[in-house]
Protein backbone atom coordinates (compact mmCIF):
# COMPACT_ATOMS: atom_id res chain seq x y z
CA MET A 1 -0.17 -0.08 -0.01
CA ALA A 2 1.19 3.30 -1.16
CA THR A 3 1.72 6.27 1.35
CA ALA A 4 0.28 9.58 0.76
CA THR A 5 3.89 11.10 0.23
CA GLU A 6 4.64 8.53 -2.51
CA ASN A 7 0.99 9.16 -4.12
CA GLN A 8 2.25 13.14 -4.19
CA SER A 9 5.53 12.67 -5.55
CA LYS A 10 4.21 10.15 -8.15
CA GLY A 11 1.47 12.63 -9.23
CA SER A 12 3.92 15.40 -9.46
CA VAL A 13 6.52 13.22 -11.49
CA SER A 14 3.78 12.03 -13.70
CA GLU A 15 2.36 15.73 -14.57
CA LYS A 16 5.62 16.74 -15.19
CA HIS A 17 6.32 14.46 -18.24
CA LEU A 18 2.75 15.43 -19.70
CA ASP A 19 2.84 16.66 -23.37
CA ALA A 20 1.51 20.21 -24.39
CA SER A 21 -2.17 18.68 -25.37
CA GLN A 22 -2.35 16.82 -21.80
CA GLN A 23 -1.52 20.18 -19.48
CA PRO A 24 -3.96 21.35 -17.03
CA ILE A 25 -5.92 24.24 -18.75
CA GLY A 26 -4.85 26.64 -16.11
CA SER A 27 -1.31 26.84 -17.33
CA SER A 28 -2.22 27.83 -21.21
CA ILE A 29 -4.84 30.21 -19.41
CA ILE A 30 -2.26 32.17 -17.46
CA ALA A 31 0.29 32.86 -20.34
CA PRO A 32 1.16 36.67 -20.75
CA ASN A 33 -0.37 38.38 -23.49
CA ASN A 34 1.51 40.86 -24.94
CA GLU A 35 -1.06 43.27 -26.21
CA ALA A 36 -2.57 43.63 -23.09
CA GLN A 37 1.24 44.04 -21.32
CA HIS A 38 1.74 47.06 -24.38
CA ALA A 39 -1.57 48.36 -23.28
CA ALA A 40 -0.82 48.31 -19.78
CA SER A 41 2.42 50.15 -20.04
CA ASP A 42 0.98 52.56 -22.74
CA GLU A 43 -1.59 53.52 -20.43
CA LYS A 44 1.15 54.09 -17.66
CA LYS A 45 2.72 56.17 -19.73
CA MET A 46 0.17 58.91 -20.61
CA SER A 47 -0.63 61.94 -18.95
CA LEU A 48 -3.67 63.07 -17.27
CA LEU A 49 -5.15 64.83 -20.22
CA GLN A 50 -4.31 62.10 -22.74
CA GLY A 51 -6.48 59.81 -20.14
CA ILE A 52 -9.25 61.70 -19.88
CA LYS A 53 -9.50 62.33 -23.57
CA LEU A 54 -9.21 58.33 -24.13
CA TYR A 55 -11.86 57.48 -21.68
CA PRO A 56 -14.49 60.09 -21.16
CA LYS A 57 -17.02 57.76 -19.81
CA ALA A 58 -14.88 56.49 -17.10
CA VAL A 59 -13.79 59.50 -16.19
CA GLY A 60 -17.80 60.98 -15.81
CA TRP A 61 -18.66 57.87 -13.92
CA SER A 62 -15.88 58.30 -11.31
CA MET A 63 -17.12 61.82 -10.78
CA ILE A 64 -20.64 60.85 -10.24
CA LEU A 65 -19.70 58.38 -7.98
CA SER A 66 -16.98 60.41 -6.07
CA SER A 67 -19.68 63.19 -5.43
CA ALA A 68 -22.11 60.80 -4.10
CA LEU A 69 -19.70 59.79 -1.53
CA ILE A 70 -18.87 63.48 -0.65
CA MET A 71 -22.61 64.47 -0.43
CA GLU A 72 -22.77 61.56 2.01
CA GLY A 73 -20.25 62.19 4.17
CA TYR A 74 -21.96 66.25 4.09
CA ASP A 75 -25.32 65.00 4.82
CA LEU A 76 -24.33 63.21 8.06
CA ALA A 77 -22.43 66.57 9.25
CA LEU A 78 -25.01 68.91 7.93
CA LEU A 79 -28.23 68.10 10.47
CA GLY A 80 -25.86 68.17 13.53
CA SER A 81 -24.69 71.58 12.68
CA LEU A 82 -28.17 72.75 12.20
CA PHE A 83 -28.95 72.24 15.42
CA GLY A 84 -26.40 74.57 16.42
CA ASN A 85 -27.22 77.17 14.02
CA GLU A 86 -28.84 80.41 15.92
CA GLN A 87 -30.84 81.20 13.15
CA PHE A 88 -32.05 77.62 12.54
CA LYS A 89 -32.51 77.33 16.64
CA ARG A 90 -34.63 80.94 16.33
CA LYS A 91 -36.88 79.80 13.24
CA TYR A 92 -37.61 76.03 14.61
CA GLY A 93 -36.58 76.23 18.08
CA VAL A 94 -38.70 77.47 21.50
CA LEU A 95 -37.27 79.88 23.91
CA ASN A 96 -35.86 79.21 27.35
CA PRO A 97 -37.78 81.33 29.59
CA ASP A 98 -35.32 80.33 32.55
CA SER A 99 -32.09 80.98 30.32
CA GLY A 100 -33.11 83.08 27.47
CA LYS A 101 -31.68 81.00 24.84
CA TRP A 102 -33.51 79.26 21.58
CA ALA A 103 -33.27 75.42 21.14
CA VAL A 104 -35.03 72.74 19.09
CA PRO A 105 -37.15 70.41 20.93
CA ALA A 106 -35.42 67.06 21.47
CA PRO A 107 -38.29 65.13 20.09
CA TRP A 108 -38.09 67.37 16.70
CA GLN A 109 -34.48 66.82 16.75
CA SER A 110 -34.94 63.05 17.05
CA ALA A 111 -37.59 63.11 14.38
CA LEU A 112 -35.38 64.93 11.80
CA TYR A 113 -32.46 62.19 12.70
CA VAL A 114 -34.42 59.32 11.75
CA PHE A 115 -36.21 60.86 8.56
CA GLU A 116 -32.84 61.27 7.67
CA TYR A 117 -31.57 58.17 8.29
CA ASP A 118 -34.48 56.30 6.37
CA GLY A 119 -34.27 58.95 3.65
CA ARG A 120 -30.41 57.29 3.39
CA LYS A 121 -32.03 54.02 3.00
CA THR A 122 -34.42 54.92 -0.05
């Protein structure tokens, strides 16, 4: 009875002696593609303006998606800063008679945060 080590060594020896028609498919697929290598090296050498002119759709999609991510981060900070804004507090808040300061009531703040969170999910 052969051991696992002997089976592994037999398998590797037999694979080494296979002709090209019997080689595993992966070895022929992984062969380098000269055309792709030249295209990649050409793209690395081109300037920013050349890249923009060559790939305008890719640049447009990149700008749209980047803008969406930037606006998502801005949206998260915007609501909190509104509650601290004096004009916002005067327009939508109530006057505290003891301190004489304006503040947006806690139930309204909670509701706005919940609506903002739900709006991001849709």
